[in-house]
Amino acid sequence: MEGLSRGVLLERMKEEYGSMLSTENSSIASSASTSRRIEAPESSCSPVPILHQEAVSHEEHGCSGRCKVIVRRIMEQVRTETEQWSQMQEMLEQVREEMEELNSSWDFWEDRALDSEYLIQYLRSAGLT
């Protein structure tokens, strides 16, 4: 089924969203270099700097909108592929059932052929044919 393997899905995402993601990364990098940083208080467990909210809020909204569009597209693809997967599972179950019927039929006719062959050999040996 198309697009189910992780590698294929990642490649498709790179193709569709690669240019968008690369421009977002560059704008995030430039905003990170131009925004003021506030150091975390001494009581904080980690020394990770916090970006000043005012400098980043405009860019977050732009990214947030694009990210939502990307997430919606991905969710739609996942829904579509999930539906396709369910259909494939139903078809597979139908094929299994038909194979079981064919195997039963094969066994029945094989038994009939062996019985007929045995009967013919018996009749020949008895001199009735």
N, C-alpha and C. Protein backbone atom coordinates (compact mmCIF):
# COMPACT_ATOMS: atom_id res chain seq x y z
N MET A 1 0.83 -1.17 0.00
CA MET A 1 0.00 0.00 0.00
C MET A 1 0.87 1.24 0.00
N GLU A 2 0.52 2.22 -0.81
CA GLU A 2 1.38 3.38 -1.00
C GLU A 2 1.47 4.20 0.28
N GLY A 3 2.69 4.59 0.65
CA GLY A 3 2.89 5.53 1.72
C GLY A 3 2.83 4.97 3.12
N LEU A 4 2.72 3.69 3.29
CA LEU A 4 2.61 3.17 4.63
C LEU A 4 3.95 3.01 5.31
N SER A 5 4.98 2.76 4.56
CA SER A 5 6.26 2.60 5.21
C SER A 5 6.76 3.96 5.68
N ARG A 6 7.44 3.95 6.77
CA ARG A 6 7.89 5.19 7.39
C ARG A 6 8.81 5.98 6.46
N GLY A 7 9.70 5.30 5.76
CA GLY A 7 10.63 5.96 4.87
C GLY A 7 9.93 6.69 3.74
N VAL A 8 8.92 6.05 3.14
CA VAL A 8 8.19 6.67 2.04
C VAL A 8 7.43 7.88 2.54
N LEU A 9 6.80 7.76 3.71
CA LEU A 9 6.05 8.88 4.27
C LEU A 9 6.98 10.04 4.58
N LEU A 10 8.14 9.76 5.15
CA LEU A 10 9.09 10.83 5.45
C LEU A 10 9.58 11.51 4.18
N GLU A 11 9.84 10.72 3.14
CA GLU A 11 10.28 11.31 1.87
C GLU A 11 9.20 12.21 1.29
N ARG A 12 7.95 11.75 1.35
CA ARG A 12 6.85 12.56 0.83
C ARG A 12 6.72 13.86 1.63
N MET A 13 6.90 13.76 2.95
CA MET A 13 6.81 14.96 3.78
C MET A 13 7.94 15.93 3.45
N LYS A 14 9.15 15.40 3.23
CA LYS A 14 10.27 16.26 2.87
C LYS A 14 10.01 16.97 1.55
N GLU A 15 9.47 16.21 0.57
CA GLU A 15 9.19 16.81 -0.73
C GLU A 15 8.12 17.89 -0.63
N GLU A 16 7.04 17.61 0.11
CA GLU A 16 5.93 18.54 0.17
C GLU A 16 6.21 19.74 1.07
N TYR A 17 6.89 19.51 2.17
CA TYR A 17 7.04 20.55 3.16
C TYR A 17 8.47 21.02 3.36
N GLY A 18 9.40 20.45 2.59
CA GLY A 18 10.82 20.77 2.77
C GLY A 18 11.12 22.25 2.63
N SER A 19 10.62 22.88 1.58
CA SER A 19 10.91 24.30 1.38
C SER A 19 10.27 25.13 2.47
N MET A 20 9.08 24.76 2.91
CA MET A 20 8.42 25.50 3.97
C MET A 20 9.19 25.37 5.27
N LEU A 21 9.65 24.15 5.55
CA LEU A 21 10.38 23.92 6.79
C LEU A 21 11.74 24.61 6.76
N SER A 22 12.40 24.65 5.61
CA SER A 22 13.71 25.29 5.57
C SER A 22 13.57 26.79 5.77
N THR A 23 12.52 27.42 5.26
CA THR A 23 12.32 28.85 5.49
C THR A 23 11.95 29.11 6.93
N GLU A 24 11.18 28.21 7.54
CA GLU A 24 10.85 28.38 8.95
C GLU A 24 12.10 28.26 9.81
N ASN A 25 12.96 27.30 9.50
CA ASN A 25 14.19 27.13 10.27
C ASN A 25 15.07 28.37 10.18
N SER A 26 15.17 28.96 8.98
CA SER A 26 16.01 30.14 8.84
C SER A 26 15.40 31.32 9.58
N SER A 27 14.07 31.47 9.56
CA SER A 27 13.46 32.58 10.28
C SER A 27 13.56 32.37 11.78
N ILE A 28 13.48 31.13 12.23
CA ILE A 28 13.64 30.85 13.65
C ILE A 28 15.07 31.14 14.08
N ALA A 29 16.03 30.74 13.25
CA ALA A 29 17.43 31.00 13.58
C ALA A 29 17.71 32.49 13.63
N SER A 30 17.17 33.26 12.68
CA SER A 30 17.42 34.69 12.68
C SER A 30 16.73 35.35 13.86
N SER A 31 15.52 34.89 14.23
CA SER A 31 14.84 35.48 15.36
C SER A 31 15.57 35.14 16.66
N ALA A 32 16.15 33.96 16.72
CA ALA A 32 16.88 33.57 17.92
C ALA A 32 18.13 34.43 18.09
N SER A 33 18.76 34.83 16.99
CA SER A 33 19.97 35.63 17.10
C SER A 33 19.65 37.09 17.39
N THR A 34 18.46 37.59 17.00
CA THR A 34 18.14 38.99 17.22
C THR A 34 17.31 39.23 18.48
N SER A 35 16.72 38.21 19.04
CA SER A 35 15.89 38.41 20.23
C SER A 35 16.76 38.47 21.48
N ARG A 36 16.24 39.17 22.48
CA ARG A 36 16.95 39.26 23.75
C ARG A 36 16.67 38.00 24.56
N ARG A 37 17.66 37.58 25.29
CA ARG A 37 17.50 36.39 26.13
C ARG A 37 17.46 36.82 27.59
N ILE A 38 16.66 36.09 28.34
CA ILE A 38 16.59 36.31 29.77
C ILE A 38 17.09 35.04 30.42
N GLU A 39 18.07 35.16 31.28
CA GLU A 39 18.62 33.99 31.94
C GLU A 39 17.65 33.52 33.02
N ALA A 40 17.57 32.22 33.18
CA ALA A 40 16.70 31.63 34.20
C ALA A 40 17.26 31.95 35.58
N PRO A 41 16.40 32.07 36.57
CA PRO A 41 16.87 32.36 37.93
C PRO A 41 17.79 31.27 38.45
N GLU A 42 18.57 31.59 39.46
CA GLU A 42 19.53 30.66 40.02
C GLU A 42 18.86 29.40 40.59
N SER A 43 17.63 29.52 41.06
CA SER A 43 16.97 28.37 41.65
C SER A 43 16.50 27.36 40.61
N SER A 44 16.57 27.75 39.34
CA SER A 44 16.14 26.85 38.27
C SER A 44 17.07 25.65 38.18
N CYS A 45 16.50 24.50 37.82
CA CYS A 45 17.28 23.27 37.72
C CYS A 45 18.18 23.27 36.49
N SER A 46 17.75 23.92 35.40
CA SER A 46 18.54 23.89 34.19
C SER A 46 18.89 25.31 33.76
N PRO A 47 20.07 25.51 33.18
CA PRO A 47 20.50 26.84 32.77
C PRO A 47 20.05 27.19 31.35
N VAL A 48 18.89 26.70 30.89
CA VAL A 48 18.41 26.94 29.54
C VAL A 48 17.87 28.36 29.45
N PRO A 49 18.35 29.19 28.47
CA PRO A 49 17.85 30.56 28.34
C PRO A 49 16.41 30.56 27.82
N ILE A 50 15.65 31.56 28.23
CA ILE A 50 14.26 31.70 27.82
C ILE A 50 14.19 32.87 26.84
N LEU A 51 13.56 32.68 25.67
CA LEU A 51 13.43 33.75 24.68
C LEU A 51 12.41 34.77 25.16
N HIS A 52 12.70 36.03 24.90
CA HIS A 52 11.80 37.11 25.29
C HIS A 52 10.50 36.97 24.50
N GLN A 53 9.37 36.96 25.19
CA GLN A 53 8.08 36.63 24.57
C GLN A 53 7.69 37.64 23.50
N GLU A 54 7.92 38.91 23.71
CA GLU A 54 7.50 39.93 22.75
C GLU A 54 8.21 39.78 21.41
N ALA A 55 9.48 39.47 21.42
CA ALA A 55 10.25 39.37 20.19
C ALA A 55 9.84 38.16 19.35
N VAL A 56 9.35 37.14 19.99
CA VAL A 56 9.08 35.90 19.29
C VAL A 56 7.59 35.72 18.96
N SER A 57 6.70 36.41 19.64
CA SER A 57 5.27 36.13 19.52
C SER A 57 4.77 36.27 18.08
N HIS A 58 5.21 37.29 17.35
CA HIS A 58 4.77 37.47 15.97
C HIS A 58 5.19 36.28 15.11
N GLU A 59 6.43 35.84 15.22
CA GLU A 59 6.92 34.73 14.43
C GLU A 59 6.29 33.41 14.85
N GLU A 60 5.96 33.27 16.15
CA GLU A 60 5.30 32.05 16.61
C GLU A 60 3.93 31.91 15.96
N HIS A 61 3.20 33.05 15.85
CA HIS A 61 1.87 32.99 15.23
C HIS A 61 1.99 32.59 13.76
N GLY A 62 2.98 33.12 13.04
CA GLY A 62 3.18 32.74 11.64
C GLY A 62 3.52 31.28 11.51
N CYS A 63 4.42 30.82 12.34
CA CYS A 63 4.81 29.41 12.30
C CYS A 63 3.64 28.55 12.75
N SER A 64 2.93 29.01 13.75
CA SER A 64 1.81 28.24 14.27
C SER A 64 0.77 28.00 13.19
N GLY A 65 0.47 29.02 12.40
CA GLY A 65 -0.50 28.87 11.32
C GLY A 65 -0.01 27.89 10.27
N ARG A 66 1.25 28.02 9.87
CA ARG A 66 1.81 27.09 8.88
C ARG A 66 1.88 25.68 9.44
N CYS A 67 2.26 25.59 10.71
CA CYS A 67 2.35 24.28 11.35
C CYS A 67 0.99 23.61 11.41
N LYS A 68 -0.04 24.40 11.70
CA LYS A 68 -1.39 23.84 11.75
C LYS A 68 -1.80 23.30 10.39
N VAL A 69 -1.45 24.03 9.33
CA VAL A 69 -1.77 23.57 7.98
C VAL A 69 -1.05 22.26 7.70
N ILE A 70 0.22 22.20 8.05
CA ILE A 70 1.01 20.98 7.83
C ILE A 70 0.41 19.83 8.63
N VAL A 71 0.08 20.09 9.90
CA VAL A 71 -0.48 19.03 10.74
C VAL A 71 -1.82 18.56 10.19
N ARG A 72 -2.65 19.49 9.70
CA ARG A 72 -3.93 19.09 9.11
C ARG A 72 -3.72 18.20 7.90
N ARG A 73 -2.76 18.58 7.05
CA ARG A 73 -2.49 17.75 5.86
C ARG A 73 -2.02 16.37 6.26
N ILE A 74 -1.13 16.32 7.25
CA ILE A 74 -0.63 15.02 7.71
C ILE A 74 -1.76 14.20 8.30
N MET A 75 -2.62 14.86 9.09
CA MET A 75 -3.75 14.13 9.68
C MET A 75 -4.69 13.60 8.61
N GLU A 76 -4.92 14.38 7.56
CA GLU A 76 -5.77 13.92 6.47
C GLU A 76 -5.13 12.73 5.74
N GLN A 77 -3.82 12.80 5.54
CA GLN A 77 -3.13 11.67 4.91
C GLN A 77 -3.23 10.43 5.78
N VAL A 78 -3.07 10.61 7.09
CA VAL A 78 -3.16 9.47 8.01
C VAL A 78 -4.57 8.88 7.98
N ARG A 79 -5.59 9.75 7.97
CA ARG A 79 -6.98 9.25 7.88
C ARG A 79 -7.18 8.46 6.59
N THR A 80 -6.72 9.03 5.49
CA THR A 80 -6.88 8.37 4.20
C THR A 80 -6.18 7.02 4.19
N GLU A 81 -4.94 7.00 4.66
CA GLU A 81 -4.18 5.75 4.65
C GLU A 81 -4.76 4.75 5.64
N THR A 82 -5.32 5.22 6.75
CA THR A 82 -5.96 4.33 7.71
C THR A 82 -7.19 3.69 7.08
N GLU A 83 -7.96 4.48 6.35
CA GLU A 83 -9.13 3.94 5.66
C GLU A 83 -8.71 2.93 4.60
N GLN A 84 -7.66 3.26 3.84
CA GLN A 84 -7.15 2.33 2.83
C GLN A 84 -6.67 1.04 3.49
N TRP A 85 -6.00 1.17 4.62
CA TRP A 85 -5.50 0.01 5.35
C TRP A 85 -6.66 -0.87 5.79
N SER A 86 -7.73 -0.25 6.29
CA SER A 86 -8.91 -1.02 6.72
C SER A 86 -9.52 -1.75 5.54
N GLN A 87 -9.60 -1.08 4.40
CA GLN A 87 -10.14 -1.73 3.21
C GLN A 87 -9.26 -2.90 2.78
N MET A 88 -7.96 -2.71 2.86
CA MET A 88 -7.04 -3.79 2.50
C MET A 88 -7.20 -4.97 3.46
N GLN A 89 -7.40 -4.70 4.74
CA GLN A 89 -7.59 -5.77 5.71
C GLN A 89 -8.88 -6.54 5.41
N GLU A 90 -9.95 -5.81 5.03
CA GLU A 90 -11.20 -6.47 4.69
C GLU A 90 -11.02 -7.35 3.46
N MET A 91 -10.32 -6.83 2.45
CA MET A 91 -10.08 -7.63 1.25
C MET A 91 -9.23 -8.85 1.57
N LEU A 92 -8.24 -8.68 2.42
CA LEU A 92 -7.39 -9.80 2.81
C LEU A 92 -8.20 -10.87 3.52
N GLU A 93 -9.11 -10.46 4.39
CA GLU A 93 -9.96 -11.42 5.08
C GLU A 93 -10.85 -12.16 4.08
N GLN A 94 -11.37 -11.44 3.10
CA GLN A 94 -12.20 -12.08 2.07
C GLN A 94 -11.38 -13.10 1.27
N VAL A 95 -10.14 -12.74 0.93
CA VAL A 95 -9.27 -13.67 0.19
C VAL A 95 -8.99 -14.91 1.04
N ARG A 96 -8.76 -14.70 2.34
CA ARG A 96 -8.52 -15.86 3.23
C ARG A 96 -9.71 -16.81 3.23
N GLU A 97 -10.91 -16.23 3.35
CA GLU A 97 -12.11 -17.06 3.35
C GLU A 97 -12.25 -17.83 2.04
N GLU A 98 -12.00 -17.15 0.92
CA GLU A 98 -12.10 -17.82 -0.37
C GLU A 98 -11.04 -18.91 -0.51
N MET A 99 -9.85 -18.67 0.00
CA MET A 99 -8.80 -19.69 -0.04
C MET A 99 -9.20 -20.91 0.78
N GLU A 100 -9.81 -20.68 1.94
CA GLU A 100 -10.27 -21.81 2.75
C GLU A 100 -11.32 -22.61 2.00
N GLU A 101 -12.25 -21.91 1.32
CA GLU A 101 -13.26 -22.61 0.53
C GLU A 101 -12.61 -23.42 -0.59
N LEU A 102 -11.63 -22.83 -1.27
CA LEU A 102 -10.94 -23.54 -2.36
C LEU A 102 -10.21 -24.76 -1.83
N ASN A 103 -9.55 -24.62 -0.68
CA ASN A 103 -8.85 -25.76 -0.10
C ASN A 103 -9.82 -26.87 0.27
N SER A 104 -10.97 -26.51 0.83
CA SER A 104 -11.99 -27.51 1.17
C SER A 104 -12.50 -28.21 -0.10
N SER A 105 -12.75 -27.41 -1.11
CA SER A 105 -13.22 -27.97 -2.38
C SER A 105 -12.16 -28.89 -2.98
N TRP A 106 -10.90 -28.45 -2.95
CA TRP A 106 -9.79 -29.26 -3.46
C TRP A 106 -9.74 -30.60 -2.73
N ASP A 107 -9.82 -30.55 -1.40
CA ASP A 107 -9.78 -31.78 -0.61
C ASP A 107 -10.94 -32.71 -0.97
N PHE A 108 -12.14 -32.13 -1.10
CA PHE A 108 -13.31 -32.93 -1.45
C PHE A 108 -13.12 -33.64 -2.78
N TRP A 109 -12.71 -32.88 -3.82
CA TRP A 109 -12.57 -33.48 -5.15
C TRP A 109 -11.38 -34.44 -5.22
N GLU A 110 -10.36 -34.18 -4.46
CA GLU A 110 -9.23 -35.11 -4.42
C GLU A 110 -9.67 -36.44 -3.80
N ASP A 111 -10.45 -36.35 -2.72
CA ASP A 111 -10.97 -37.57 -2.09
C ASP A 111 -11.88 -38.33 -3.05
N ARG A 112 -12.73 -37.60 -3.79
CA ARG A 112 -13.63 -38.25 -4.76
C ARG A 112 -12.81 -38.95 -5.84
N ALA A 113 -11.75 -38.29 -6.33
CA ALA A 113 -10.92 -38.88 -7.38
C ALA A 113 -10.21 -40.14 -6.87
N LEU A 114 -9.69 -40.09 -5.65
CA LEU A 114 -9.02 -41.26 -5.08
C LEU A 114 -10.01 -42.41 -4.87
N ASP A 115 -11.22 -42.08 -4.39
CA ASP A 115 -12.25 -43.12 -4.23
C ASP A 115 -12.60 -43.74 -5.57
N SER A 116 -12.75 -42.92 -6.60
CA SER A 116 -13.08 -43.44 -7.94
C SER A 116 -11.95 -44.31 -8.47
N GLU A 117 -10.73 -43.89 -8.28
CA GLU A 117 -9.58 -44.68 -8.73
C GLU A 117 -9.55 -46.02 -8.00
N TYR A 118 -9.80 -46.00 -6.71
CA TYR A 118 -9.82 -47.24 -5.94
C TYR A 118 -10.93 -48.17 -6.45
N LEU A 119 -12.09 -47.59 -6.71
CA LEU A 119 -13.21 -48.39 -7.21
C LEU A 119 -12.89 -49.00 -8.56
N ILE A 120 -12.27 -48.24 -9.45
CA ILE A 120 -11.90 -48.76 -10.77
C ILE A 120 -10.91 -49.91 -10.63
N GLN A 121 -9.90 -49.75 -9.77
CA GLN A 121 -8.92 -50.83 -9.56
C GLN A 121 -9.60 -52.06 -8.97
N TYR A 122 -10.52 -51.87 -8.07
CA TYR A 122 -11.23 -53.01 -7.47
C TYR A 122 -12.06 -53.74 -8.54
N LEU A 123 -12.77 -52.96 -9.34
CA LEU A 123 -13.61 -53.59 -10.38
C LEU A 123 -12.75 -54.32 -11.39
N ARG A 124 -11.59 -53.76 -11.77
CA ARG A 124 -10.69 -54.44 -12.72
C ARG A 124 -10.16 -55.75 -12.13
N SER A 125 -9.78 -55.67 -10.88
CA SER A 125 -9.23 -56.90 -10.26
C SER A 125 -10.31 -57.97 -10.07
N ALA A 126 -11.56 -57.54 -9.94
CA ALA A 126 -12.65 -58.49 -9.80
C ALA A 126 -13.13 -58.99 -11.16
N GLY A 127 -12.62 -58.41 -12.21
CA GLY A 127 -12.97 -58.83 -13.56
C GLY A 127 -14.35 -58.33 -13.99
N LEU A 128 -14.79 -57.28 -13.39
CA LEU A 128 -16.11 -56.75 -13.73
C LEU A 128 -16.04 -55.65 -14.79
N THR A 129 -14.90 -55.24 -15.17
CA THR A 129 -14.82 -54.20 -16.21
C THR A 129 -14.32 -54.72 -17.52
